Amino acid sequence: MVKIPDYHAGTCLKALQDTIDDYGAKEFESITFDNGSEFAKLSEIVGTQIYFAHPYSPWERGTNENANGLLREFFPKGKSLRAITLVEIQAVQSALNHRPRRILNYLRPCDYYRCMA
C-alpha cells in the first residue's frame, strides 16, 4: 500500500512503477485496472502485462474488488483518505498481510510470499 498525494495519471504511474521496481517485475505478472482517468498512463509501465477492465465489469477485477472490501473494514466508505497517516497505512497493511486467506489455502499472505521467494 502506497500513499500518493493525488490521483493524477503521472503520480499513479510513478508510484506503481516504483513499487514494481522495488519488488521486481516477476511479482507482477499482470495488473488489471479500471478505465479511470488516473490510470491513463499506466500502459507505459515496464515489466508487466497491463489489462484494462471493461466499464461496469467489476468481476473482471475480482481480486481487486475483494481487496477493496477488506480495506473498507479499516477505512469505511465516506471516510476521507487524505488524513490517513503512513503509520495507519502500515498497520492496515500488516493486519491484512497476517490474515489467513482462502485463495492461499488459508496461509497468511506474508507466509505465502516467503514460501514463494
PDB file of N, CA and C in Angstrom:
ATOM      1  N   MET A   1       0.856  -1.163   0.000  1.00  0.00           N
ATOM      2  CA  MET A   1       0.000   0.000   0.000  1.00  0.00           C
ATOM      3  C   MET A   1       0.901   1.224   0.000  1.00  0.00           C
ATOM      4  N   VAL A   2       0.554   2.167  -0.865  1.00  0.00           N
ATOM      5  CA  VAL A   2       1.350   3.376  -1.023  1.00  0.00           C
ATOM      6  C   VAL A   2       0.426   4.576  -0.955  1.00  0.00           C
ATOM      7  N   LYS A   3       0.787   5.544  -0.141  1.00  0.00           N
ATOM      8  CA  LYS A   3       0.015   6.785  -0.092  1.00  0.00           C
ATOM      9  C   LYS A   3       0.572   7.714  -1.155  1.00  0.00           C
ATOM     10  N   ILE A   4      -0.321   8.248  -1.979  1.00  0.00           N
ATOM     11  CA  ILE A   4       0.093   9.189  -3.014  1.00  0.00           C
ATOM     12  C   ILE A   4      -0.608  10.523  -2.773  1.00  0.00           C
ATOM     13  N   PRO A   5       0.023  11.631  -3.188  1.00  0.00           N
ATOM     14  CA  PRO A   5      -0.539  12.951  -2.888  1.00  0.00           C
ATOM     15  C   PRO A   5      -1.774  13.314  -3.702  1.00  0.00           C
ATOM     16  N   ASP A   6      -1.947  12.680  -4.860  1.00  0.00           N
ATOM     17  CA  ASP A   6      -3.099  12.984  -5.708  1.00  0.00           C
ATOM     18  C   ASP A   6      -3.356  11.783  -6.616  1.00  0.00           C
ATOM     19  N   TYR A   7      -4.402  11.881  -7.415  1.00  0.00           N
ATOM     20  CA  TYR A   7      -4.773  10.768  -8.292  1.00  0.00           C
ATOM     21  C   TYR A   7      -4.495  11.073  -9.753  1.00  0.00           C
ATOM     22  N   HIS A   8      -3.560  11.961 -10.025  1.00  0.00           N
ATOM     23  CA  HIS A   8      -3.214  12.268 -11.408  1.00  0.00           C
ATOM     24  C   HIS A   8      -2.504  11.070 -12.035  1.00  0.00           C
ATOM     25  N   ALA A   9      -2.672  10.914 -13.335  1.00  0.00           N
ATOM     26  CA  ALA A   9      -2.118   9.762 -14.040  1.00  0.00           C
ATOM     27  C   ALA A   9      -0.614   9.634 -13.826  1.00  0.00           C
ATOM     28  N   GLY A  10       0.113  10.734 -13.906  1.00  0.00           N
ATOM     29  CA  GLY A  10       1.564  10.689 -13.730  1.00  0.00           C
ATOM     30  C   GLY A  10       1.975  10.244 -12.340  1.00  0.00           C
ATOM     31  N   THR A  11       1.234  10.675 -11.326  1.00  0.00           N
ATOM     32  CA  THR A  11       1.518  10.288  -9.942  1.00  0.00           C
ATOM     33  C   THR A  11       1.285   8.794  -9.757  1.00  0.00           C
ATOM     34  N   CYS A  12       0.166   8.293 -10.283  1.00  0.00           N
ATOM     35  CA  CYS A  12      -0.139   6.858 -10.179  1.00  0.00           C
ATOM     36  C   CYS A  12       0.908   6.029 -10.913  1.00  0.00           C
ATOM     37  N   LEU A  13       1.303   6.484 -12.096  1.00  0.00           N
ATOM     38  CA  LEU A  13       2.309   5.773 -12.886  1.00  0.00           C
ATOM     39  C   LEU A  13       3.617   5.668 -12.107  1.00  0.00           C
ATOM     40  N   LYS A  14       4.082   6.776 -11.548  1.00  0.00           N
ATOM     41  CA  LYS A  14       5.353   6.765 -10.819  1.00  0.00           C
ATOM     42  C   LYS A  14       5.275   5.861  -9.594  1.00  0.00           C
ATOM     43  N   ALA A  15       4.193   5.951  -8.823  1.00  0.00           N
ATOM     44  CA  ALA A  15       4.057   5.129  -7.617  1.00  0.00           C
ATOM     45  C   ALA A  15       4.049   3.643  -7.959  1.00  0.00           C
ATOM     46  N   LEU A  16       3.328   3.275  -9.000  1.00  0.00           N
ATOM     47  CA  LEU A  16       3.253   1.866  -9.367  1.00  0.00           C
ATOM     48  C   LEU A  16       4.569   1.379  -9.956  1.00  0.00           C
ATOM     49  N   GLN A  17       5.201   2.177 -10.804  1.00  0.00           N
ATOM     50  CA  GLN A  17       6.483   1.766 -11.378  1.00  0.00           C
ATOM     51  C   GLN A  17       7.534   1.625 -10.281  1.00  0.00           C
ATOM     52  N   ASP A  18       7.535   2.532  -9.305  1.00  0.00           N
ATOM     53  CA  ASP A  18       8.472   2.424  -8.177  1.00  0.00           C
ATOM     54  C   ASP A  18       8.236   1.135  -7.395  1.00  0.00           C
ATOM     55  N   THR A  19       6.969   0.775  -7.187  1.00  0.00           N
ATOM     56  CA  THR A  19       6.642  -0.457  -6.463  1.00  0.00           C
ATOM     57  C   THR A  19       7.112  -1.679  -7.239  1.00  0.00           C
ATOM     58  N   ILE A  20       6.874  -1.692  -8.539  1.00  0.00           N
ATOM     59  CA  ILE A  20       7.331  -2.810  -9.377  1.00  0.00           C
ATOM     60  C   ILE A  20       8.849  -2.892  -9.348  1.00  0.00           C
ATOM     61  N   ASP A  21       9.511  -1.756  -9.431  1.00  0.00           N
ATOM     62  CA  ASP A  21      10.976  -1.741  -9.381  1.00  0.00           C
ATOM     63  C   ASP A  21      11.491  -2.248  -8.034  1.00  0.00           C
ATOM     64  N   ASP A  22      10.810  -1.899  -6.941  1.00  0.00           N
ATOM     65  CA  ASP A  22      11.226  -2.329  -5.600  1.00  0.00           C
ATOM     66  C   ASP A  22      11.082  -3.836  -5.402  1.00  0.00           C
ATOM     67  N   TYR A  23       9.971  -4.405  -5.850  1.00  0.00           N
ATOM     68  CA  TYR A  23       9.687  -5.819  -5.613  1.00  0.00           C
ATOM     69  C   TYR A  23      10.145  -6.728  -6.741  1.00  0.00           C
ATOM     70  N   GLY A  24      10.340  -6.177  -7.913  1.00  0.00           N
ATOM     71  CA  GLY A  24      10.729  -6.965  -9.080  1.00  0.00           C
ATOM     72  C   GLY A  24       9.525  -7.293  -9.936  1.00  0.00           C
ATOM     73  N   ALA A  25       9.711  -7.200 -11.238  1.00  0.00           N
ATOM     74  CA  ALA A  25       8.611  -7.400 -12.184  1.00  0.00           C
ATOM     75  C   ALA A  25       8.014  -8.798 -12.089  1.00  0.00           C
ATOM     76  N   LYS A  26       8.803  -9.799 -11.685  1.00  0.00           N
ATOM     77  CA  LYS A  26       8.264 -11.170 -11.627  1.00  0.00           C
ATOM     78  C   LYS A  26       7.136 -11.300 -10.607  1.00  0.00           C
ATOM     79  N   GLU A  27       7.053 -10.371  -9.646  1.00  0.00           N
ATOM     80  CA  GLU A  27       5.975 -10.390  -8.661  1.00  0.00           C
ATOM     81  C   GLU A  27       4.666  -9.846  -9.231  1.00  0.00           C
ATOM     82  N   PHE A  28       4.739  -9.242 -10.397  1.00  0.00           N
ATOM     83  CA  PHE A  28       3.574  -8.601 -11.014  1.00  0.00           C
ATOM     84  C   PHE A  28       3.412  -9.149 -12.429  1.00  0.00           C
ATOM     85  N   GLU A  29       2.935 -10.381 -12.558  1.00  0.00           N
ATOM     86  CA  GLU A  29       2.773 -10.970 -13.883  1.00  0.00           C
ATOM     87  C   GLU A  29       1.819 -10.147 -14.728  1.00  0.00           C
ATOM     88  N   SER A  30       0.756  -9.674 -14.110  1.00  0.00           N
ATOM     89  CA  SER A  30      -0.196  -8.816 -14.820  1.00  0.00           C
ATOM     90  C   SER A  30      -0.913  -7.942 -13.798  1.00  0.00           C
ATOM     91  N   ILE A  31      -1.420  -6.826 -14.288  1.00  0.00           N
ATOM     92  CA  ILE A  31      -2.200  -5.905 -13.464  1.00  0.00           C
ATOM     93  C   ILE A  31      -3.404  -5.483 -14.287  1.00  0.00           C
ATOM     94  N   THR A  32      -4.583  -5.511 -13.673  1.00  0.00           N
ATOM     95  CA  THR A  32      -5.798  -5.091 -14.362  1.00  0.00           C
ATOM     96  C   THR A  32      -6.357  -3.851 -13.679  1.00  0.00           C
ATOM     97  N   PHE A  33      -6.602  -2.822 -14.473  1.00  0.00           N
ATOM     98  CA  PHE A  33      -7.128  -1.550 -13.980  1.00  0.00           C
ATOM     99  C   PHE A  33      -8.533  -1.339 -14.508  1.00  0.00           C
ATOM    100  N   ASP A  34      -9.254  -0.424 -13.853  1.00  0.00           N
ATOM    101  CA  ASP A  34     -10.492   0.028 -14.465  1.00  0.00           C
ATOM    102  C   ASP A  34     -10.112   1.140 -15.439  1.00  0.00           C
ATOM    103  N   ASN A  35     -11.075   1.800 -15.987  1.00  0.00           N
ATOM    104  CA  ASN A  35     -10.792   2.796 -17.018  1.00  0.00           C
ATOM    105  C   ASN A  35     -10.791   4.224 -16.494  1.00  0.00           C
ATOM    106  N   GLY A  36     -10.507   4.409 -15.204  1.00  0.00           N
ATOM    107  CA  GLY A  36     -10.439   5.750 -14.638  1.00  0.00           C
ATOM    108  C   GLY A  36      -9.321   6.565 -15.268  1.00  0.00           C
ATOM    109  N   SER A  37      -9.501   7.873 -15.328  1.00  0.00           N
ATOM    110  CA  SER A  37      -8.507   8.738 -15.963  1.00  0.00           C
ATOM    111  C   SER A  37      -7.163   8.688 -15.244  1.00  0.00           C
ATOM    112  N   GLU A  38      -7.172   8.357 -13.943  1.00  0.00           N
ATOM    113  CA  GLU A  38      -5.911   8.278 -13.211  1.00  0.00           C
ATOM    114  C   GLU A  38      -5.036   7.127 -13.694  1.00  0.00           C
ATOM    115  N   PHE A  39      -5.630   6.202 -14.450  1.00  0.00           N
ATOM    116  CA  PHE A  39      -4.876   5.061 -14.964  1.00  0.00           C
ATOM    117  C   PHE A  39      -4.471   5.233 -16.427  1.00  0.00           C
ATOM    118  N   ALA A  40      -4.711   6.408 -16.986  1.00  0.00           N
ATOM    119  CA  ALA A  40      -4.493   6.640 -18.411  1.00  0.00           C
ATOM    120  C   ALA A  40      -3.071   6.333 -18.859  1.00  0.00           C
ATOM    121  N   LYS A  41      -2.080   6.669 -18.062  1.00  0.00           N
ATOM    122  CA  LYS A  41      -0.686   6.484 -18.466  1.00  0.00           C
ATOM    123  C   LYS A  41      -0.113   5.135 -18.043  1.00  0.00           C
ATOM    124  N   LEU A  42      -0.889   4.313 -17.388  1.00  0.00           N
ATOM    125  CA  LEU A  42      -0.336   3.100 -16.813  1.00  0.00           C
ATOM    126  C   LEU A  42       0.022   2.040 -17.841  1.00  0.00           C
ATOM    127  N   SER A  43      -0.412   2.218 -19.076  1.00  0.00           N
ATOM    128  CA  SER A  43       0.021   1.284 -20.114  1.00  0.00           C
ATOM    129  C   SER A  43       1.508   1.453 -20.395  1.00  0.00           C
ATOM    130  N   GLU A  44       2.126   2.519 -19.862  1.00  0.00           N
ATOM    131  CA  GLU A  44       3.557   2.764 -20.036  1.00  0.00           C
ATOM    132  C   GLU A  44       4.408   1.997 -19.025  1.00  0.00           C
ATOM    133  N   ILE A  45       3.792   1.305 -18.101  1.00  0.00           N
ATOM    134  CA  ILE A  45       4.541   0.574 -17.076  1.00  0.00           C
ATOM    135  C   ILE A  45       5.402  -0.487 -17.742  1.00  0.00           C
ATOM    136  N   VAL A  46       6.623  -0.573 -17.262  1.00  0.00           N
ATOM    137  CA  VAL A  46       7.584  -1.505 -17.836  1.00  0.00           C
ATOM    138  C   VAL A  46       7.670  -2.757 -16.971  1.00  0.00           C
ATOM    139  N   GLY A  47       7.697  -3.918 -17.604  1.00  0.00           N
ATOM    140  CA  GLY A  47       7.992  -5.147 -16.892  1.00  0.00           C
ATOM    141  C   GLY A  47       6.809  -6.004 -16.509  1.00  0.00           C
ATOM    142  N   THR A  48       5.599  -5.622 -16.867  1.00  0.00           N
ATOM    143  CA  THR A  48       4.432  -6.439 -16.533  1.00  0.00           C
ATOM    144  C   THR A  48       3.351  -6.256 -17.590  1.00  0.00           C
ATOM    145  N   GLN A  49       2.480  -7.231 -17.705  1.00  0.00           N
ATOM    146  CA  GLN A  49       1.382  -7.162 -18.669  1.00  0.00           C
ATOM    147  C   GLN A  49       0.245  -6.343 -18.063  1.00  0.00           C
ATOM    148  N   ILE A  50      -0.250  -5.366 -18.802  1.00  0.00           N
ATOM    149  CA  ILE A  50      -1.297  -4.469 -18.324  1.00  0.00           C
ATOM    150  C   ILE A  50      -2.606  -4.765 -19.049  1.00  0.00           C
ATOM    151  N   TYR A  51      -3.695  -4.848 -18.291  1.00  0.00           N
ATOM    152  CA  TYR A  51      -5.028  -5.028 -18.853  1.00  0.00           C
ATOM    153  C   TYR A  51      -5.939  -3.938 -18.298  1.00  0.00           C
ATOM    154  N   PHE A  52      -6.937  -3.568 -19.071  1.00  0.00           N
ATOM    155  CA  PHE A  52      -7.948  -2.618 -18.620  1.00  0.00           C
ATOM    156  C   PHE A  52      -9.300  -3.313 -18.676  1.00  0.00           C
ATOM    157  N   ALA A  53     -10.011  -3.316 -17.552  1.00  0.00           N
ATOM    158  CA  ALA A  53     -11.327  -3.949 -17.475  1.00  0.00           C
ATOM    159  C   ALA A  53     -12.345  -3.120 -18.249  1.00  0.00           C
ATOM    160  N   HIS A  54     -13.379  -3.779 -18.693  1.00  0.00           N
ATOM    161  CA  HIS A  54     -14.466  -3.085 -19.369  1.00  0.00           C
ATOM    162  C   HIS A  54     -15.263  -2.267 -18.349  1.00  0.00           C
ATOM    163  N   PRO A  55     -15.824  -1.145 -18.769  1.00  0.00           N
ATOM    164  CA  PRO A  55     -16.629  -0.332 -17.850  1.00  0.00           C
ATOM    165  C   PRO A  55     -17.768  -1.148 -17.226  1.00  0.00           C
ATOM    166  N   TYR A  56     -18.026  -0.909 -15.961  1.00  0.00           N
ATOM    167  CA  TYR A  56     -19.115  -1.554 -15.213  1.00  0.00           C
ATOM    168  C   TYR A  56     -18.988  -3.075 -15.200  1.00  0.00           C
ATOM    169  N   SER A  57     -17.743  -3.570 -15.126  1.00  0.00           N
ATOM    170  CA  SER A  57     -17.487  -5.012 -15.102  1.00  0.00           C
ATOM    171  C   SER A  57     -16.560  -5.368 -13.937  1.00  0.00           C
ATOM    172  N   PRO A  58     -17.017  -5.178 -12.695  1.00  0.00           N
ATOM    173  CA  PRO A  58     -16.128  -5.421 -11.556  1.00  0.00           C
ATOM    174  C   PRO A  58     -15.656  -6.869 -11.456  1.00  0.00           C
ATOM    175  N   TRP A  59     -16.385  -7.817 -12.025  1.00  0.00           N
ATOM    176  CA  TRP A  59     -15.987  -9.219 -11.980  1.00  0.00           C
ATOM    177  C   TRP A  59     -14.688  -9.453 -12.750  1.00  0.00           C
ATOM    178  N   GLU A  60     -14.314  -8.522 -13.631  1.00  0.00           N
ATOM    179  CA  GLU A  60     -13.051  -8.659 -14.356  1.00  0.00           C
ATOM    180  C   GLU A  60     -11.856  -8.296 -13.462  1.00  0.00           C
ATOM    181  N   ARG A  61     -12.138  -7.751 -12.297  1.00  0.00           N
ATOM    182  CA  ARG A  61     -11.097  -7.370 -11.339  1.00  0.00           C
ATOM    183  C   ARG A  61     -11.469  -7.925  -9.968  1.00  0.00           C
ATOM    184  N   GLY A  62     -11.807  -9.192  -9.916  1.00  0.00           N
ATOM    185  CA  GLY A  62     -12.326  -9.793  -8.694  1.00  0.00           C
ATOM    186  C   GLY A  62     -11.397  -9.690  -7.502  1.00  0.00           C
ATOM    187  N   THR A  63     -10.121  -9.956  -7.701  1.00  0.00           N
ATOM    188  CA  THR A  63      -9.172  -9.878  -6.594  1.00  0.00           C
ATOM    189  C   THR A  63      -9.098  -8.460  -6.058  1.00  0.00           C
ATOM    190  N   ASN A  64      -9.112  -7.480  -6.958  1.00  0.00           N
ATOM    191  CA  ASN A  64      -9.069  -6.080  -6.545  1.00  0.00           C
ATOM    192  C   ASN A  64     -10.328  -5.705  -5.775  1.00  0.00           C
ATOM    193  N   GLU A  65     -11.479  -6.145  -6.254  1.00  0.00           N
ATOM    194  CA  GLU A  65     -12.736  -5.836  -5.568  1.00  0.00           C
ATOM    195  C   GLU A  65     -12.750  -6.455  -4.169  1.00  0.00           C
ATOM    196  N   ASN A  66     -12.211  -7.660  -4.039  1.00  0.00           N
ATOM    197  CA  ASN A  66     -12.124  -8.305  -2.731  1.00  0.00           C
ATOM    198  C   ASN A  66     -11.205  -7.500  -1.807  1.00  0.00           C
ATOM    199  N   ALA A  67     -10.066  -7.060  -2.330  1.00  0.00           N
ATOM    200  CA  ALA A  67      -9.139  -6.252  -1.529  1.00  0.00           C
ATOM    201  C   ALA A  67      -9.794  -4.945  -1.095  1.00  0.00           C
ATOM    202  N   ASN A  68     -10.559  -4.337  -1.987  1.00  0.00           N
ATOM    203  CA  ASN A  68     -11.268  -3.106  -1.618  1.00  0.00           C
ATOM    204  C   ASN A  68     -12.219  -3.357  -0.452  1.00  0.00           C
ATOM    205  N   GLY A  69     -12.903  -4.493  -0.479  1.00  0.00           N
ATOM    206  CA  GLY A  69     -13.806  -4.838   0.620  1.00  0.00           C
ATOM    207  C   GLY A  69     -13.063  -5.003   1.937  1.00  0.00           C
ATOM    208  N   LEU A  70     -11.896  -5.635   1.886  1.00  0.00           N
ATOM    209  CA  LEU A  70     -11.087  -5.785   3.099  1.00  0.00           C
ATOM    210  C   LEU A  70     -10.630  -4.424   3.617  1.00  0.00           C
ATOM    211  N   LEU A  71     -10.237  -3.545   2.711  1.00  0.00           N
ATOM    212  CA  LEU A  71      -9.802  -2.204   3.121  1.00  0.00           C
ATOM    213  C   LEU A  71     -10.940  -1.412   3.749  1.00  0.00           C
ATOM    214  N   ARG A  72     -12.181  -1.645   3.292  1.00  0.00           N
ATOM    215  CA  ARG A  72     -13.339  -0.928   3.841  1.00  0.00           C
ATOM    216  C   ARG A  72     -13.576  -1.279   5.304  1.00  0.00           C
ATOM    217  N   GLU A  73     -13.063  -2.417   5.762  1.00  0.00           N
ATOM    218  CA  GLU A  73     -13.167  -2.739   7.188  1.00  0.00           C
ATOM    219  C   GLU A  73     -12.398  -1.719   8.028  1.00  0.00           C
ATOM    220  N   PHE A  74     -11.340  -1.178   7.473  1.00  0.00           N
ATOM    221  CA  PHE A  74     -10.495  -0.216   8.181  1.00  0.00           C
ATOM    222  C   PHE A  74     -10.825   1.225   7.808  1.00  0.00           C
ATOM    223  N   PHE A  75     -11.204   1.425   6.560  1.00  0.00           N
ATOM    224  CA  PHE A  75     -11.500   2.759   6.042  1.00  0.00           C
ATOM    225  C   PHE A  75     -12.906   2.748   5.453  1.00  0.00           C
ATOM    226  N   PRO A  76     -13.932   2.974   6.281  1.00  0.00           N
ATOM    227  CA  PRO A  76     -15.317   2.905   5.794  1.00  0.00           C
ATOM    228  C   PRO A  76     -15.582   3.884   4.654  1.00  0.00           C
ATOM    229  N   LYS A  77     -16.499   3.505   3.790  1.00  0.00           N
ATOM    230  CA  LYS A  77     -16.890   4.371   2.678  1.00  0.00           C
ATOM    231  C   LYS A  77     -17.326   5.720   3.240  1.00  0.00           C
ATOM    232  N   GLY A  78     -16.873   6.775   2.617  1.00  0.00           N
ATOM    233  CA  GLY A  78     -17.201   8.113   3.072  1.00  0.00           C
ATOM    234  C   GLY A  78     -16.118   8.739   3.936  1.00  0.00           C
ATOM    235  N   LYS A  79     -15.220   7.915   4.486  1.00  0.00           N
ATOM    236  CA  LYS A  79     -14.121   8.454   5.289  1.00  0.00           C
ATOM    237  C   LYS A  79     -13.062   9.025   4.350  1.00  0.00           C
ATOM    238  N   SER A  80     -12.633  10.223   4.628  1.00  0.00           N
ATOM    239  CA  SER A  80     -11.597  10.843   3.808  1.00  0.00           C
ATOM    240  C   SER A  80     -10.277  10.104   3.993  1.00  0.00           C
ATOM    241  N   LEU A  81      -9.647   9.767   2.887  1.00  0.00           N
ATOM    242  CA  LEU A  81      -8.354   9.089   2.948  1.00  0.00           C
ATOM    243  C   LEU A  81      -7.199  10.079   3.037  1.00  0.00           C
ATOM    244  N   ARG A  82      -7.495  11.354   2.866  1.00  0.00           N
ATOM    245  CA  ARG A  82      -6.433  12.374   2.884  1.00  0.00           C
ATOM    246  C   ARG A  82      -5.736  12.468   4.234  1.00  0.00           C
ATOM    247  N   ALA A  83      -6.472  12.263   5.319  1.00  0.00           N
ATOM    248  CA  ALA A  83      -5.909  12.440   6.660  1.00  0.00           C
ATOM    249  C   ALA A  83      -5.223  11.186   7.195  1.00  0.00           C
ATOM    250  N   ILE A  84      -5.282  10.095   6.473  1.00  0.00           N
ATOM    251  CA  ILE A  84      -4.695   8.849   6.947  1.00  0.00           C
ATOM    252  C   ILE A  84      -3.175   8.964   6.911  1.00  0.00           C
ATOM    253  N   THR A  85      -2.548   8.549   8.001  1.00  0.00           N
ATOM    254  CA  THR A  85      -1.100   8.666   8.115  1.00  0.00           C
ATOM    255  C   THR A  85      -0.395   7.427   7.573  1.00  0.00           C
ATOM    256  N   LEU A  86       0.898   7.568   7.341  1.00  0.00           N
ATOM    257  CA  LEU A  86       1.704   6.442   6.898  1.00  0.00           C
ATOM    258  C   LEU A  86       1.698   5.331   7.945  1.00  0.00           C
ATOM    259  N   VAL A  87       1.695   5.694   9.214  1.00  0.00           N
ATOM    260  CA  VAL A  87       1.649   4.702  10.296  1.00  0.00           C
ATOM    261  C   VAL A  87       0.352   3.897  10.221  1.00  0.00           C
ATOM    262  N   GLU A  88      -0.774   4.565   9.980  1.00  0.00           N
ATOM    263  CA  GLU A  88      -2.056   3.859   9.840  1.00  0.00           C
ATOM    264  C   GLU A  88      -2.030   2.928   8.633  1.00  0.00           C
ATOM    265  N   ILE A  89      -1.489   3.394   7.531  1.00  0.00           N
ATOM    266  CA  ILE A  89      -1.400   2.564   6.326  1.00  0.00           C
ATOM    267  C   ILE A  89      -0.568   1.321   6.607  1.00  0.00           C
ATOM    268  N   GLN A  90       0.563   1.489   7.271  1.00  0.00           N
ATOM    269  CA  GLN A  90       1.423   0.348   7.578  1.00  0.00           C
ATOM    270  C   GLN A  90       0.734  -0.632   8.526  1.00  0.00           C
ATOM    271  N   ALA A  91      -0.053  -0.132   9.469  1.00  0.00           N
ATOM    272  CA  ALA A  91      -0.778  -1.006  10.397  1.00  0.00           C
ATOM    273  C   ALA A  91      -1.828  -1.832   9.658  1.00  0.00           C
ATOM    274  N   VAL A  92      -2.557  -1.203   8.748  1.00  0.00           N
ATOM    275  CA  VAL A  92      -3.568  -1.921   7.960  1.00  0.00           C
ATOM    276  C   VAL A  92      -2.890  -2.943   7.056  1.00  0.00           C
ATOM    277  N   GLN A  93      -1.812  -2.546   6.417  1.00  0.00           N
ATOM    278  CA  GLN A  93      -1.079  -3.464   5.546  1.00  0.00           C
ATOM    279  C   GLN A  93      -0.605  -4.684   6.330  1.00  0.00           C
ATOM    280  N   SER A  94      -0.078  -4.465   7.518  1.00  0.00           N
ATOM    281  CA  SER A  94       0.374  -5.576   8.352  1.00  0.00           C
ATOM    282  C   SER A  94      -0.797  -6.474   8.755  1.00  0.00           C
ATOM    283  N   ALA A  95      -1.905  -5.870   9.163  1.00  0.00           N
ATOM    284  CA  ALA A  95      -3.083  -6.656   9.555  1.00  0.00           C
ATOM    285  C   ALA A  95      -3.566  -7.531   8.401  1.00  0.00           C
ATOM    286  N   LEU A  96      -3.637  -6.966   7.208  1.00  0.00           N
ATOM    287  CA  LEU A  96      -4.114  -7.734   6.053  1.00  0.00           C
ATOM    288  C   LEU A  96      -3.106  -8.800   5.625  1.00  0.00           C
ATOM    289  N   ASN A  97      -1.830  -8.505   5.749  1.00  0.00           N
ATOM    290  CA  ASN A  97      -0.810  -9.478   5.365  1.00  0.00           C
ATOM    291  C   ASN A  97      -0.680 -10.619   6.366  1.00  0.00           C
ATOM    292  N   HIS A  98      -1.240 -10.447   7.559  1.00  0.00           N
ATOM    293  CA  HIS A  98      -1.196 -11.504   8.571  1.00  0.00           C
ATOM    294  C   HIS A  98      -2.551 -12.204   8.748  1.00  0.00           C
ATOM    295  N   ARG A  99      -3.495 -11.923   7.865  1.00  0.00           N
ATOM    296  CA  ARG A  99      -4.818 -12.548   7.914  1.00  0.00           C
ATOM    297  C   ARG A  99      -4.836 -13.735   6.940  1.00  0.00           C
ATOM    298  N   PRO A 100      -5.162 -14.938   7.421  1.00  0.00           N
ATOM    299  CA  PRO A 100      -5.238 -16.088   6.509  1.00  0.00           C
ATOM    300  C   PRO A 100      -6.243 -15.830   5.386  1.00  0.00           C
ATOM    301  N   ARG A 101      -5.901 -16.301   4.187  1.00  0.00           N
ATOM    302  CA  ARG A 101      -6.748 -16.068   3.017  1.00  0.00           C
ATOM    303  C   ARG A 101      -7.100 -17.395   2.356  1.00  0.00           C
ATOM    304  N   ARG A 102      -8.366 -17.581   2.067  1.00  0.00           N
ATOM    305  CA  ARG A 102      -8.830 -18.809   1.430  1.00  0.00           C
ATOM    306  C   ARG A 102      -8.113 -19.062   0.110  1.00  0.00           C
ATOM    307  N   ILE A 103      -7.924 -18.003  -0.696  1.00  0.00           N
ATOM    308  CA  ILE A 103      -7.293 -18.163  -2.004  1.00  0.00           C
ATOM    309  C   ILE A 103      -5.860 -18.692  -1.888  1.00  0.00           C
ATOM    310  N   LEU A 104      -5.256 -18.536  -0.708  1.00  0.00           N
ATOM    311  CA  LEU A 104      -3.895 -19.026  -0.466  1.00  0.00           C
ATOM    312  C   LEU A 104      -3.916 -20.299   0.380  1.00  0.00           C
ATOM    313  N   ASN A 105      -5.021 -21.038   0.312  1.00  0.00           N
ATOM    314  CA  ASN A 105      -5.190 -22.265   1.086  1.00  0.00           C
ATOM    315  C   ASN A 105      -5.024 -21.987   2.587  1.00  0.00           C
ATOM    316  N   TYR A 106      -5.551 -20.848   3.000  1.00  0.00           N
ATOM    317  CA  TYR A 106      -5.571 -20.388   4.387  1.00  0.00           C
ATOM    318  C   TYR A 106      -4.187 -20.078   4.963  1.00  0.00           C
ATOM    319  N   LEU A 107      -3.232 -19.869   4.083  1.00  0.00           N
ATOM    320  CA  LEU A 107      -1.964 -19.296   4.533  1.00  0.00           C
ATOM    321  C   LEU A 107      -2.140 -17.791   4.656  1.00  0.00           C
ATOM    322  N   ARG A 108      -1.295 -17.180   5.443  1.00  0.00           N
ATOM    323  CA  ARG A 108      -1.278 -15.725   5.503  1.00  0.00           C
ATOM    324  C   ARG A 108      -0.450 -15.221   4.323  1.00  0.00           C
ATOM    325  N   PRO A 109      -0.808 -14.101   3.720  1.00  0.00           N
ATOM    326  CA  PRO A 109      -0.023 -13.588   2.589  1.00  0.00           C
ATOM    327  C   PRO A 109       1.461 -13.446   2.912  1.00  0.00           C
ATOM    328  N   CYS A 110       1.795 -13.011   4.122  1.00  0.00           N
ATOM    329  CA  CYS A 110       3.210 -12.853   4.477  1.00  0.00           C
ATOM    330  C   CYS A 110       3.935 -14.198   4.446  1.00  0.00           C
ATOM    331  N   ASP A 111       3.280 -15.272   4.877  1.00  0.00           N
ATOM    332  CA  ASP A 111       3.896 -16.599   4.845  1.00  0.00           C
ATOM    333  C   ASP A 111       3.975 -17.128   3.422  1.00  0.00           C
ATOM    334  N   TYR A 112       2.917 -16.932   2.660  1.00  0.00           N
ATOM    335  CA  TYR A 112       2.895 -17.390   1.270  1.00  0.00           C
ATOM    336  C   TYR A 112       4.005 -16.716   0.473  1.00  0.00           C
ATOM    337  N   TYR A 113       4.159 -15.422   0.658  1.00  0.00           N
ATOM    338  CA  TYR A 113       5.179 -14.671  -0.075  1.00  0.00           C
ATOM    339  C   TYR A 113       6.571 -15.185   0.272  1.00  0.00           C
ATOM    340  N   ARG A 114       6.817 -15.468   1.556  1.00  0.00           N
ATOM    341  CA  ARG A 114       8.124 -16.011   1.970  1.00  0.00           C
ATOM    342  C   ARG A 114       8.366 -17.376   1.348  1.00  0.00           C
ATOM    343  N   CYS A 115       7.330 -18.206   1.264  1.00  0.00           N
ATOM    344  CA  CYS A 115       7.471 -19.537   0.666  1.00  0.00           C
ATOM    345  C   CYS A 115       7.798 -19.452  -0.820  1.00  0.00           C
ATOM    346  N   MET A 116       7.239 -18.458  -1.476  1.00  0.00           N
ATOM    347  CA  MET A 116       7.434 -18.319  -2.919  1.00  0.00           C
ATOM    348  C   MET A 116       8.761 -17.641  -3.262  1.00  0.00           C
ATOM    349  N   ALA A 117       9.322 -16.899  -2.318  1.00  0.00           N
ATOM    350  CA  ALA A 117      10.559 -16.137  -2.594  1.00  0.00           C
ATOM    351  C   ALA A 117      11.764 -17.038  -2.713  1.00  0.00           C
TER     352      ALA A 117
END
